């Protein structure tokens, strides 16, 4: 007959559990401490992101300010160049206006020489034409004797004074013979005619 096992009998491997349950580590999958720190971590992450955005905006603003300062500096150089060009144009315009005021109403060189060539006597040779603010000086020679040349140059002066293209441009009796002498090397006569501009030539 087998012996009945005493339910209160101790197993040979049994030992007293002396550990404290309150001091044992929490063996739950998600601990309470993690759940407590999670909101603070999220807030910290959001704050870091905001600081990063602020820093990025600040750096972008500094870059834009530096870029605009560079553009303003470049614009100042261009503006100074434009102002200098404007001053140059104003100076040139004043000179053009002054030149126009001086020659306004006066006979052009081309028209003057054309009229001289059309009206000159056959034996007259024009050697030079000089112009200044007071008038025009024409020098040349006449292939005539002294007496004939004197009559010829006198008639030519009268003809020029009556010429509708030349006469009105100069003073009354402003077309005169300022020099007349024989050429020592030839039989021709040297002459000089002076055309004095009228004060308000049409």
Protein backbone atom coordinates (compact mmCIF):
# COMPACT_ATOMS: atom_id res chain seq x y z
CA UNK A 1 0.00 0.00 0.00
CA UNK A 2 1.44 3.31 -1.09
CA UNK A 3 1.92 6.16 1.23
CA UNK A 4 -0.43 9.13 0.84
CA UNK A 5 1.44 12.43 0.06
CA UNK A 6 0.97 15.05 2.69
CA UNK A 7 -0.31 18.19 1.01
CA UNK A 8 1.46 20.33 3.55
CA UNK A 9 4.72 18.60 3.03
CA UNK A 10 7.43 20.80 1.52
CA UNK A 11 9.16 20.01 -1.75
CA UNK A 12 12.87 19.54 -1.56
CA UNK A 13 13.31 22.52 -3.99
CA UNK A 14 11.12 24.93 -2.16
CA UNK A 15 12.55 28.10 -0.61
CA UNK A 16 11.12 31.11 1.06
CA UNK A 17 10.52 34.15 -1.31
CA UNK A 18 12.07 36.99 0.65
CA UNK A 19 11.91 39.58 -2.17
CA UNK A 20 9.74 42.72 -1.83
CA UNK A 21 7.20 43.11 -4.62
CA UNK A 22 7.27 46.94 -4.36
CA UNK A 23 10.99 47.01 -5.15
CA UNK A 24 10.86 44.71 -8.15
CA UNK A 25 11.24 46.38 -11.58
CA UNK A 26 8.11 47.14 -13.50
CA UNK A 27 7.72 44.39 -16.03
CA UNK A 28 4.91 46.10 -17.99
CA UNK A 29 5.48 46.72 -21.71
CA UNK A 30 4.79 50.50 -21.36
CA UNK A 31 5.81 51.88 -18.04
CA UNK A 32 4.16 54.78 -16.31
CA UNK A 33 7.40 56.78 -16.32
CA UNK A 34 7.57 56.57 -20.12
CA UNK A 35 4.00 57.73 -20.39
CA UNK A 36 4.80 60.60 -18.05
CA UNK A 37 7.88 61.72 -20.04
CA UNK A 38 6.24 61.39 -23.44
CA UNK A 39 4.34 64.74 -23.33
CA UNK A 40 7.43 66.58 -22.11
CA UNK A 41 9.49 65.06 -24.92
CA UNK A 42 6.89 66.09 -27.48
CA UNK A 43 6.83 69.65 -26.14
CA UNK A 44 10.65 69.77 -26.23
CA UNK A 45 10.66 68.52 -29.84
CA UNK A 46 8.12 71.15 -30.87
CA UNK A 47 10.17 73.87 -29.17
CA UNK A 48 13.32 72.70 -30.97
CA UNK A 49 11.49 72.79 -34.30
CA UNK A 50 10.22 76.32 -33.59
CA UNK A 51 13.73 77.46 -32.64
CA UNK A 52 15.07 75.91 -35.85
CA UNK A 53 12.45 77.70 -37.94
CA UNK A 54 13.20 81.00 -36.21
CA UNK A 55 16.92 80.49 -36.81
CA UNK A 56 16.31 79.64 -40.48
CA UNK A 57 14.12 82.75 -40.89
CA UNK A 58 16.78 84.88 -39.18
CA UNK A 59 19.54 83.59 -41.43
CA UNK A 60 17.35 84.08 -44.50
CA UNK A 61 16.56 87.63 -43.39
CA UNK A 62 20.25 88.42 -42.90
CA UNK A 63 21.03 87.05 -46.36
CA UNK A 64 18.25 89.13 -47.92
CA UNK A 65 19.44 92.26 -46.11
CA UNK A 66 23.01 91.71 -47.32
CA UNK A 67 21.75 91.09 -50.86
CA UNK A 68 19.66 94.27 -50.87
CA UNK A 69 22.56 96.28 -49.44
CA UNK A 70 24.73 95.01 -52.30
CA UNK A 71 22.06 95.91 -54.83
CA UNK A 72 21.67 99.37 -53.31
CA UNK A 73 25.45 99.90 -53.52
CA UNK A 74 25.44 98.80 -57.17
CA UNK A 75 22.47 101.05 -57.84
CA UNK A 76 24.31 104.01 -56.32
CA UNK A 77 27.19 103.49 -58.73
CA UNK A 78 24.78 103.22 -61.66
CA UNK A 79 22.86 106.26 -60.44
CA UNK A 80 26.06 108.29 -60.18
CA UNK A 81 26.98 107.23 -63.72
CA UNK A 82 23.53 108.20 -64.99
CA UNK A 83 23.74 111.59 -63.27
CA UNK A 84 27.17 112.17 -64.83
CA UNK A 85 25.77 111.28 -68.24
CA UNK A 86 22.90 113.69 -67.67
CA UNK A 87 25.35 116.46 -66.77
CA UNK A 88 27.36 115.67 -69.91
CA UNK A 89 24.20 115.76 -72.04
CA UNK A 90 23.15 119.07 -70.49
CA UNK A 91 26.59 120.53 -71.19
CA UNK A 92 26.51 119.27 -74.78
CA UNK A 93 22.98 120.61 -75.23
CA UNK A 94 24.07 124.05 -74.00
CA UNK A 95 26.98 124.03 -76.43
CA UNK A 96 24.66 123.07 -79.27
CA UNK A 97 22.26 125.84 -78.31
CA UNK A 98 25.10 128.36 -78.20
CA UNK A 99 26.37 127.22 -81.60
CA UNK A 100 22.85 127.38 -83.00
CA UNK A 101 22.43 130.89 -81.61
CA UNK A 102 25.69 131.95 -83.25
CA UNK A 103 24.94 130.55 -86.70
CA UNK A 104 21.17 131.03 -86.62
CA UNK A 105 20.09 132.94 -89.67
CA UNK A 106 23.57 133.03 -91.12
CA UNK A 107 24.42 131.65 -94.51
CA UNK A 108 25.69 128.08 -94.46
CA UNK A 109 29.17 127.40 -95.80
CA UNK A 110 27.83 125.26 -98.63
CA UNK A 111 25.25 127.85 -99.71
CA UNK A 112 27.79 130.66 -99.45
CA UNK A 113 30.46 128.93 -101.53
CA UNK A 114 27.83 127.86 -104.05
CA UNK A 115 26.69 131.46 -104.51
CA UNK A 116 30.26 132.69 -104.84
CA UNK A 117 30.98 130.09 -107.47
CA UNK A 118 27.80 130.96 -109.36
CA UNK A 119 28.28 134.74 -109.32
CA UNK A 120 32.06 135.15 -109.58
CA UNK A 121 33.53 136.67 -112.76
CA UNK A 122 35.23 134.31 -115.20
CA UNK A 123 38.72 135.64 -114.52
CA UNK A 124 38.33 135.50 -110.72
CA UNK A 125 40.03 132.69 -108.81
CA UNK A 126 39.11 132.18 -105.12
CA UNK A 127 42.06 130.84 -103.15
CA UNK A 128 40.75 130.79 -99.57
CA UNK A 129 37.64 131.40 -97.46
CA UNK A 130 37.93 132.05 -93.72
CA UNK A 131 35.08 132.55 -91.27
CA UNK A 132 34.86 133.88 -87.72
CA UNK A 133 32.20 135.31 -85.41
CA UNK A 134 32.39 138.72 -87.10
CA UNK A 135 32.17 137.61 -90.69
CA UNK A 136 33.83 135.92 -93.66
CA UNK A 137 37.06 136.78 -95.48
CA UNK A 138 37.52 135.70 -99.11
CA UNK A 139 40.92 135.91 -100.79
CA UNK A 140 41.81 135.32 -104.41
CA UNK A 141 43.22 136.71 -107.66
CA UNK A 142 41.89 138.49 -110.77
CA UNK A 143 43.47 137.88 -114.14
CA UNK A 144 43.09 141.48 -115.35
CA UNK A 145 45.10 144.62 -115.41
CA UNK A 146 44.99 146.79 -112.32
CA UNK A 147 42.44 149.19 -113.80
CA UNK A 148 40.16 146.50 -115.19
CA UNK A 149 40.44 144.46 -112.02
CA UNK A 150 39.44 147.46 -109.91
CA UNK A 151 36.27 147.98 -111.98
CA UNK A 152 35.54 144.26 -111.98
CA UNK A 153 35.88 143.81 -108.21
CA UNK A 154 33.72 146.90 -107.57
CA UNK A 155 30.91 145.59 -109.78
CA UNK A 156 31.19 142.18 -108.12
CA UNK A 157 30.79 143.69 -104.64
CA UNK A 158 27.64 145.52 -105.80
CA UNK A 159 26.33 142.30 -107.32
CA UNK A 160 26.88 140.40 -104.09
CA UNK A 161 25.16 143.13 -102.04
CA UNK A 162 22.06 142.83 -104.26
CA UNK A 163 22.10 139.03 -104.29
CA UNK A 164 18.97 137.76 -102.43
CA UNK A 165 20.88 134.80 -100.95
CA UNK A 166 23.99 136.67 -99.79
CA UNK A 167 23.14 140.38 -99.34
CA UNK A 168 20.55 140.07 -96.55
CA UNK A 169 22.92 137.94 -94.47
CA UNK A 170 25.43 140.75 -94.03
CA UNK A 171 25.47 144.36 -92.89
CA UNK A 172 24.38 147.10 -95.21
CA UNK A 173 27.54 148.06 -97.03
CA UNK A 174 29.14 145.22 -95.08
CA UNK A 175 30.63 143.58 -98.19
CA UNK A 176 33.82 145.52 -98.83
CA UNK A 177 37.22 145.23 -100.50
CA UNK A 178 39.75 145.21 -97.64
CA UNK A 179 42.82 144.51 -99.75
CA UNK A 180 43.71 144.95 -103.42
CA UNK A 181 47.26 144.82 -104.79
CA UNK A 182 49.14 143.49 -107.80
CA UNK A 183 50.82 140.12 -107.58
CA UNK A 184 54.57 140.66 -107.99
CA UNK A 185 55.17 137.27 -109.55
CA UNK A 186 52.31 137.37 -112.10
CA UNK A 187 50.20 139.87 -113.98
CA UNK A 188 47.23 139.09 -111.74
CA UNK A 189 45.77 141.18 -108.93
CA UNK A 190 45.42 139.89 -105.39
CA UNK A 191 42.22 140.85 -103.57
CA UNK A 192 40.55 140.36 -100.21
CA UNK A 193 36.80 140.70 -99.63
CA UNK A 194 35.31 140.97 -96.14
CA UNK A 195 31.68 140.03 -95.45
CA UNK A 196 30.48 141.45 -92.12
CA UNK A 197 27.56 139.57 -90.53
CA UNK A 198 24.40 141.52 -89.85
CA UNK A 199 23.48 141.72 -86.12
CA UNK A 200 20.12 140.04 -86.69
CA UNK A 201 20.50 138.31 -89.98
CA UNK A 202 17.24 136.72 -91.16
